[in-house]
Amino acid sequence: MKKLFRFFSHPWAIFISNLLLAAGAYAGNEIFQAFCKPVTWASAVLLFFITAFLAWPFVPEEKKQLKNFLAIFHGAGFCVCVYCTWFGKMMLVYSLFALVAGVGIFGFAPVIFLVQIVYRFVKTQDTKRRWFFFAGVLPLIVFQLYFALQYRALENAITKIPPQERTPEKLAGVLPRNYMAERFAGTYFRYHTSYCEYDGWRPPLHDPFLVISRRLFPSVDNSVPGYFAERAALYRLMFPGKNAYAGCNCSDLNGDSKTYPENAP
C-alpha cells in the first residue's frame, strides 16, 4: 500500500491519472451527452481549470507566483466540480454500476478532482495562496447571483400580461433583451437545463447560470405557458438577428440524436 501511495505521489503519476480521468469524462459526455455542449464562458473556465489542475504537480513550491496564479483557476475548478457533482448526481449512481465494467470511474471524475482540490489547499501552509484560491471562487458566485437576479426580474415583465394572454408575440413586447432573457427564450429547444437519461435528442447547449437560476426561481419558467414550439417562436421574435438553431452532437445510440424535432426553428 505504501509503495502504491508513493507511486501516485509522483508528479507524472498524478498527471497521467488525472489526464486519463479528464479524457474519459470528456469521451463519456460525447457519447452520453450528460451536459451537452457547455456555452463559451463555461468551456473557457473548464479549459483553464483543467490546464492549471494538470500542471500543478510540476510546479515547485519555490515558484510561488506561478503556484498562486494556478490557485485562482483551482478556485474556479472547485465551483465547476461542485456543480458537475450536483447536476450529475444521477450519473454518479449509474457510474457505481458501471464500475464493474471498468468505465464507471470516469463518472466520478468531478468528485475525484474535487477531493484533490480540497486536499491541495487544506494542506498548504501558505495563507496567501488560499486567498488566491478564493479569488477564483468569488467571481463565479458574484456572476451567478447577478444573473439569477436578472432571471428573476423577467417575471416582473411577464406578470404585466394577464396569464391567458401570454402569447409569444405579447411576451416579446415586454421582455428585455439581455443575457438571461436570451437564455429564458431558448429554454427547451436551445439550452439544456436538467439531467436526462434519454439518449436521443435534447437541447444542445448547457449554461450553468441558467440551470441554477431556474432552480432558484422556478416560478419564472412556470409563469409562461407552452413548451418547445412556443419558446422557439418567442426566441425568433425576440432575437431575429440570431440563429436559433444550435447543432446537437447528442449520443449516437439513437437515430434522432443529431436532429431537432420537426417543429424546430
Protein backbone atom coordinates (compact mmCIF):
# COMPACT_ATOMS: atom_id res chain seq x y z
CA MET A 1 0.00 0.00 0.00
CA LYS A 2 2.86 2.37 0.86
CA LYS A 3 4.51 1.66 -2.49
CA LEU A 4 1.22 2.38 -4.26
CA PHE A 5 0.82 5.64 -2.35
CA ARG A 6 4.40 6.65 -3.20
CA PHE A 7 3.77 5.84 -6.86
CA PHE A 8 0.67 8.06 -7.03
CA SER A 9 2.56 10.81 -5.21
CA HIS A 10 4.90 11.17 -8.18
CA PRO A 11 4.06 14.19 -10.40
CA TRP A 12 3.88 12.12 -13.58
CA ALA A 13 1.62 9.51 -11.97
CA ILE A 14 -0.72 12.26 -10.74
CA PHE A 15 -0.66 13.95 -14.16
CA ILE A 16 -1.33 10.77 -16.15
CA SER A 17 -4.08 9.59 -13.78
CA ASN A 18 -5.88 12.94 -13.91
CA LEU A 19 -5.38 13.25 -17.66
CA LEU A 20 -6.94 9.83 -18.21
CA LEU A 21 -9.85 10.72 -15.92
CA ALA A 22 -10.44 14.01 -17.73
CA ALA A 23 -10.19 12.37 -21.16
CA GLY A 24 -12.52 9.55 -20.11
CA ALA A 25 -15.07 12.00 -18.67
CA TYR A 26 -14.92 14.07 -21.87
CA ALA A 27 -15.38 10.99 -24.04
CA GLY A 28 -18.25 9.81 -21.86
CA ASN A 29 -20.01 13.14 -22.24
CA GLU A 30 -19.54 13.00 -26.01
CA ILE A 31 -21.22 9.57 -26.03
CA PHE A 32 -23.98 10.09 -23.46
CA GLN A 33 -24.27 13.91 -23.50
CA ALA A 34 -24.88 14.34 -19.79
CA PHE A 35 -24.01 18.04 -20.03
CA CYS A 36 -24.30 18.52 -23.80
CA LYS A 37 -22.16 21.44 -25.03
CA PRO A 38 -21.04 23.95 -22.40
CA VAL A 39 -21.57 27.53 -23.58
CA THR A 40 -18.49 29.59 -24.43
CA TRP A 41 -17.77 31.02 -20.98
CA ALA A 42 -18.23 27.63 -19.29
CA SER A 43 -15.94 25.94 -21.84
CA ALA A 44 -13.26 28.59 -21.21
CA VAL A 45 -13.45 28.18 -17.42
CA LEU A 46 -13.29 24.40 -17.77
CA LEU A 47 -10.27 24.58 -20.11
CA PHE A 48 -8.32 26.96 -17.85
CA PHE A 49 -9.11 24.85 -14.81
CA ILE A 50 -8.06 21.54 -16.37
CA THR A 51 -4.82 23.09 -17.63
CA ALA A 52 -3.97 24.51 -14.18
CA PHE A 53 -5.08 21.32 -12.44
CA LEU A 54 -2.87 19.08 -14.59
CA ALA A 55 0.13 21.41 -14.41
CA TRP A 56 0.03 21.76 -10.63
CA PRO A 57 2.21 18.74 -9.68
CA PHE A 58 5.07 20.00 -11.88
CA VAL A 59 5.27 23.48 -10.34
CA PRO A 60 7.67 23.51 -7.36
CA GLU A 61 6.81 25.37 -4.17
CA GLU A 62 9.62 27.82 -4.88
CA LYS A 63 7.60 29.18 -7.83
CA LYS A 64 5.16 30.92 -5.51
CA GLN A 65 3.81 33.42 -8.02
CA LEU A 66 3.05 30.74 -10.59
CA LYS A 67 1.57 28.48 -7.92
CA ASN A 68 -0.68 31.32 -6.74
CA PHE A 69 -1.74 32.03 -10.31
CA LEU A 70 -2.74 28.39 -10.77
CA ALA A 71 -4.59 28.55 -7.45
CA ILE A 72 -7.04 31.06 -8.97
CA PHE A 73 -8.14 28.50 -11.56
CA HIS A 74 -8.34 25.83 -8.87
CA GLY A 75 -10.90 28.06 -7.16
CA ALA A 76 -12.91 28.25 -10.37
CA GLY A 77 -12.47 24.50 -10.77
CA PHE A 78 -13.84 23.95 -7.28
CA CYS A 79 -17.08 25.60 -8.43
CA VAL A 80 -17.05 23.52 -11.63
CA CYS A 81 -16.64 20.23 -9.75
CA VAL A 82 -19.30 21.06 -7.16
CA TYR A 83 -21.71 22.00 -9.95
CA CYS A 84 -20.97 18.88 -12.01
CA THR A 85 -21.43 16.65 -8.95
CA TRP A 86 -24.74 18.33 -8.11
CA PHE A 87 -26.11 18.37 -11.65
CA GLY A 88 -24.92 14.86 -12.50
CA LYS A 89 -25.79 13.16 -9.23
CA MET A 90 -27.82 10.50 -11.06
CA MET A 91 -24.83 9.87 -13.30
CA LEU A 92 -22.88 9.00 -10.14
CA VAL A 93 -25.47 6.35 -9.32
CA TYR A 94 -25.18 4.83 -12.80
CA SER A 95 -21.39 5.05 -12.59
CA LEU A 96 -21.44 2.89 -9.47
CA PHE A 97 -22.94 0.06 -11.51
CA ALA A 98 -20.53 0.73 -14.36
CA LEU A 99 -17.52 0.29 -12.06
CA VAL A 100 -17.67 -3.47 -12.64
CA ALA A 101 -17.08 -2.81 -16.34
CA GLY A 102 -14.08 -0.62 -15.57
CA VAL A 103 -15.56 2.58 -17.01
CA GLY A 104 -17.62 3.84 -14.08
CA ILE A 105 -14.59 5.59 -12.60
CA PHE A 106 -14.85 8.28 -15.29
CA GLY A 107 -18.28 9.29 -13.99
CA PHE A 108 -16.63 10.11 -10.67
CA ALA A 109 -14.05 12.43 -12.23
CA PRO A 110 -15.63 15.62 -10.77
CA VAL A 111 -15.67 14.09 -7.28
CA ILE A 112 -12.07 12.86 -7.55
CA PHE A 113 -10.90 16.24 -8.83
CA LEU A 114 -12.85 17.99 -6.07
CA VAL A 115 -11.16 15.89 -3.37
CA GLN A 116 -7.75 16.72 -4.82
CA ILE A 117 -8.52 20.45 -4.96
CA VAL A 118 -9.63 20.49 -1.33
CA TYR A 119 -6.58 18.46 -0.29
CA ARG A 120 -4.18 20.80 -2.09
CA PHE A 121 -5.50 23.86 -0.31
CA VAL A 122 -6.14 22.31 3.09
CA LYS A 123 -2.59 21.01 3.36
CA THR A 124 -0.89 24.22 2.19
CA GLN A 125 0.76 26.39 4.83
CA ASP A 126 0.64 29.40 2.54
CA THR A 127 -2.31 31.52 3.71
CA LYS A 128 -1.83 33.88 0.80
CA ARG A 129 -2.37 31.02 -1.63
CA ARG A 130 -5.74 30.28 -0.09
CA TRP A 131 -6.77 33.86 -0.83
CA PHE A 132 -5.85 33.32 -4.47
CA PHE A 133 -7.98 30.17 -4.40
CA PHE A 134 -10.98 32.16 -3.10
CA ALA A 135 -10.27 34.78 -5.75
CA GLY A 136 -11.16 32.11 -8.29
CA VAL A 137 -14.37 31.13 -6.46
CA LEU A 138 -15.74 34.62 -5.85
CA PRO A 139 -16.26 35.87 -9.45
CA LEU A 140 -18.37 32.86 -10.39
CA ILE A 141 -20.54 33.29 -7.30
CA VAL A 142 -20.96 37.03 -7.99
CA PHE A 143 -21.85 36.45 -11.64
CA GLN A 144 -24.29 33.70 -10.66
CA LEU A 145 -26.07 35.98 -8.19
CA TYR A 146 -26.19 38.79 -10.75
CA PHE A 147 -27.65 36.62 -13.49
CA ALA A 148 -30.05 34.89 -11.09
CA LEU A 149 -31.49 38.29 -10.16
CA GLN A 150 -31.62 39.23 -13.84
CA TYR A 151 -33.54 36.00 -14.45
CA ARG A 152 -35.87 36.71 -11.53
CA ALA A 153 -36.64 40.16 -12.94
CA LEU A 154 -38.10 38.55 -16.08
CA GLU A 155 -41.16 37.53 -14.08
CA ASN A 156 -41.87 41.18 -13.27
CA ALA A 157 -42.17 41.86 -17.00
CA ILE A 158 -44.18 38.70 -17.69
CA THR A 159 -46.78 39.40 -14.99
CA LYS A 160 -47.70 42.68 -16.70
CA ILE A 161 -49.63 40.47 -19.14
CA PRO A 162 -52.73 38.54 -17.94
CA PRO A 163 -51.98 34.77 -17.85
CA GLN A 164 -54.44 33.90 -20.63
CA GLU A 165 -52.86 36.49 -22.94
CA ARG A 166 -49.21 35.45 -22.59
CA THR A 167 -48.57 34.63 -26.24
CA PRO A 168 -45.06 34.72 -27.76
CA GLU A 169 -45.95 37.97 -29.55
CA LYS A 170 -47.00 39.78 -26.36
CA LEU A 171 -44.15 38.35 -24.30
CA ALA A 172 -41.65 39.53 -26.90
CA GLY A 173 -43.07 43.01 -26.46
CA VAL A 174 -42.37 43.24 -22.71
CA LEU A 175 -39.29 41.10 -22.10
CA PRO A 176 -35.88 42.84 -22.06
CA ARG A 177 -33.10 41.90 -24.48
CA ASN A 178 -30.38 40.80 -22.10
CA TYR A 179 -28.30 37.71 -21.30
CA MET A 180 -30.82 35.83 -19.20
CA ALA A 181 -33.77 36.80 -21.40
CA GLU A 182 -32.00 35.11 -24.30
CA ARG A 183 -31.39 32.01 -22.16
CA PHE A 184 -35.01 32.05 -20.99
CA ALA A 185 -36.35 32.31 -24.55
CA GLY A 186 -34.07 29.48 -25.66
CA THR A 187 -35.03 27.07 -22.87
CA TYR A 188 -36.28 23.62 -24.00
CA PHE A 189 -35.00 23.78 -27.58
CA ARG A 190 -31.63 25.53 -27.37
CA TYR A 191 -30.50 25.32 -23.72
CA HIS A 192 -30.29 22.10 -21.74
CA THR A 193 -31.44 22.57 -18.12
CA SER A 194 -31.80 19.16 -16.47
CA TYR A 195 -30.18 15.75 -16.47
CA CYS A 196 -31.81 13.36 -18.93
CA GLU A 197 -31.24 9.60 -19.20
CA TYR A 198 -32.74 9.51 -22.70
CA ASP A 199 -30.02 9.05 -25.33
CA GLY A 200 -31.80 10.76 -28.18
CA TRP A 201 -32.24 14.44 -28.98
CA ARG A 202 -32.05 17.10 -26.30
CA PRO A 203 -31.28 20.84 -26.22
CA PRO A 204 -27.58 21.03 -27.12
CA LEU A 205 -26.22 23.98 -25.10
CA HIS A 206 -25.55 24.00 -21.36
CA ASP A 207 -25.27 27.19 -19.30
CA PRO A 208 -24.83 26.67 -15.54
CA PHE A 209 -26.01 30.24 -14.85
CA LEU A 210 -29.37 29.35 -16.41
CA VAL A 211 -29.66 25.97 -14.72
CA ILE A 212 -29.03 27.35 -11.23
CA SER A 213 -31.25 30.40 -11.82
CA ARG A 214 -34.15 28.13 -12.82
CA ARG A 215 -33.69 26.11 -9.63
CA LEU A 216 -33.62 29.25 -7.51
CA PHE A 217 -36.65 30.85 -9.18
CA PRO A 218 -38.86 28.14 -10.73
CA SER A 219 -41.85 30.49 -10.82
CA VAL A 220 -40.28 32.43 -13.70
CA ASP A 221 -40.46 29.49 -16.08
CA ASN A 222 -43.86 28.43 -14.76
CA SER A 223 -45.32 31.86 -15.50
CA VAL A 224 -45.20 31.23 -19.25
CA PRO A 225 -47.45 28.65 -20.95
CA GLY A 226 -46.29 26.30 -23.67
CA TYR A 227 -43.18 24.29 -24.27
CA PHE A 228 -40.89 23.72 -27.26
CA ALA A 229 -42.79 25.39 -30.10
CA GLU A 230 -43.81 28.42 -28.01
CA ARG A 231 -40.26 29.08 -26.82
CA ALA A 232 -38.89 28.69 -30.34
CA ALA A 233 -41.43 31.23 -31.59
CA LEU A 234 -40.57 33.60 -28.73
CA TYR A 235 -36.86 33.29 -29.49
CA ARG A 236 -37.37 34.16 -33.15
CA LEU A 237 -39.43 37.22 -32.23
CA MET A 238 -37.01 38.47 -29.58
CA PHE A 239 -33.77 37.77 -31.39
CA PRO A 240 -34.47 37.83 -35.14
CA GLY A 241 -30.81 38.52 -35.91
CA LYS A 242 -29.57 35.41 -34.07
CA ASN A 243 -29.53 31.90 -35.41
CA ALA A 244 -31.92 29.99 -33.16
CA TYR A 245 -30.56 26.69 -34.40
CA ALA A 246 -27.75 25.08 -32.37
CA GLY A 247 -26.25 21.86 -33.68
CA CYS A 248 -26.74 18.80 -31.50
CA ASN A 249 -23.97 16.25 -31.02
CA CYS A 250 -26.02 14.04 -28.76
CA SER A 251 -25.49 10.35 -28.35
CA ASP A 252 -25.29 8.25 -31.49
CA LEU A 253 -27.22 5.50 -29.75
CA ASN A 254 -30.46 6.93 -31.11
CA GLY A 255 -31.32 7.69 -34.73
CA ASP A 256 -32.77 11.11 -33.84
CA SER A 257 -29.68 12.15 -31.91
CA LYS A 258 -28.38 14.65 -34.45
CA THR A 259 -31.65 16.30 -35.45
CA TYR A 260 -34.11 18.71 -33.95
CA PRO A 261 -37.74 17.62 -33.65
CA GLU A 262 -39.95 18.53 -36.61
CA ASN A 263 -41.10 21.85 -35.14
CA ALA A 264 -37.56 23.10 -34.55
CA PRO A 265 -36.58 26.60 -35.65
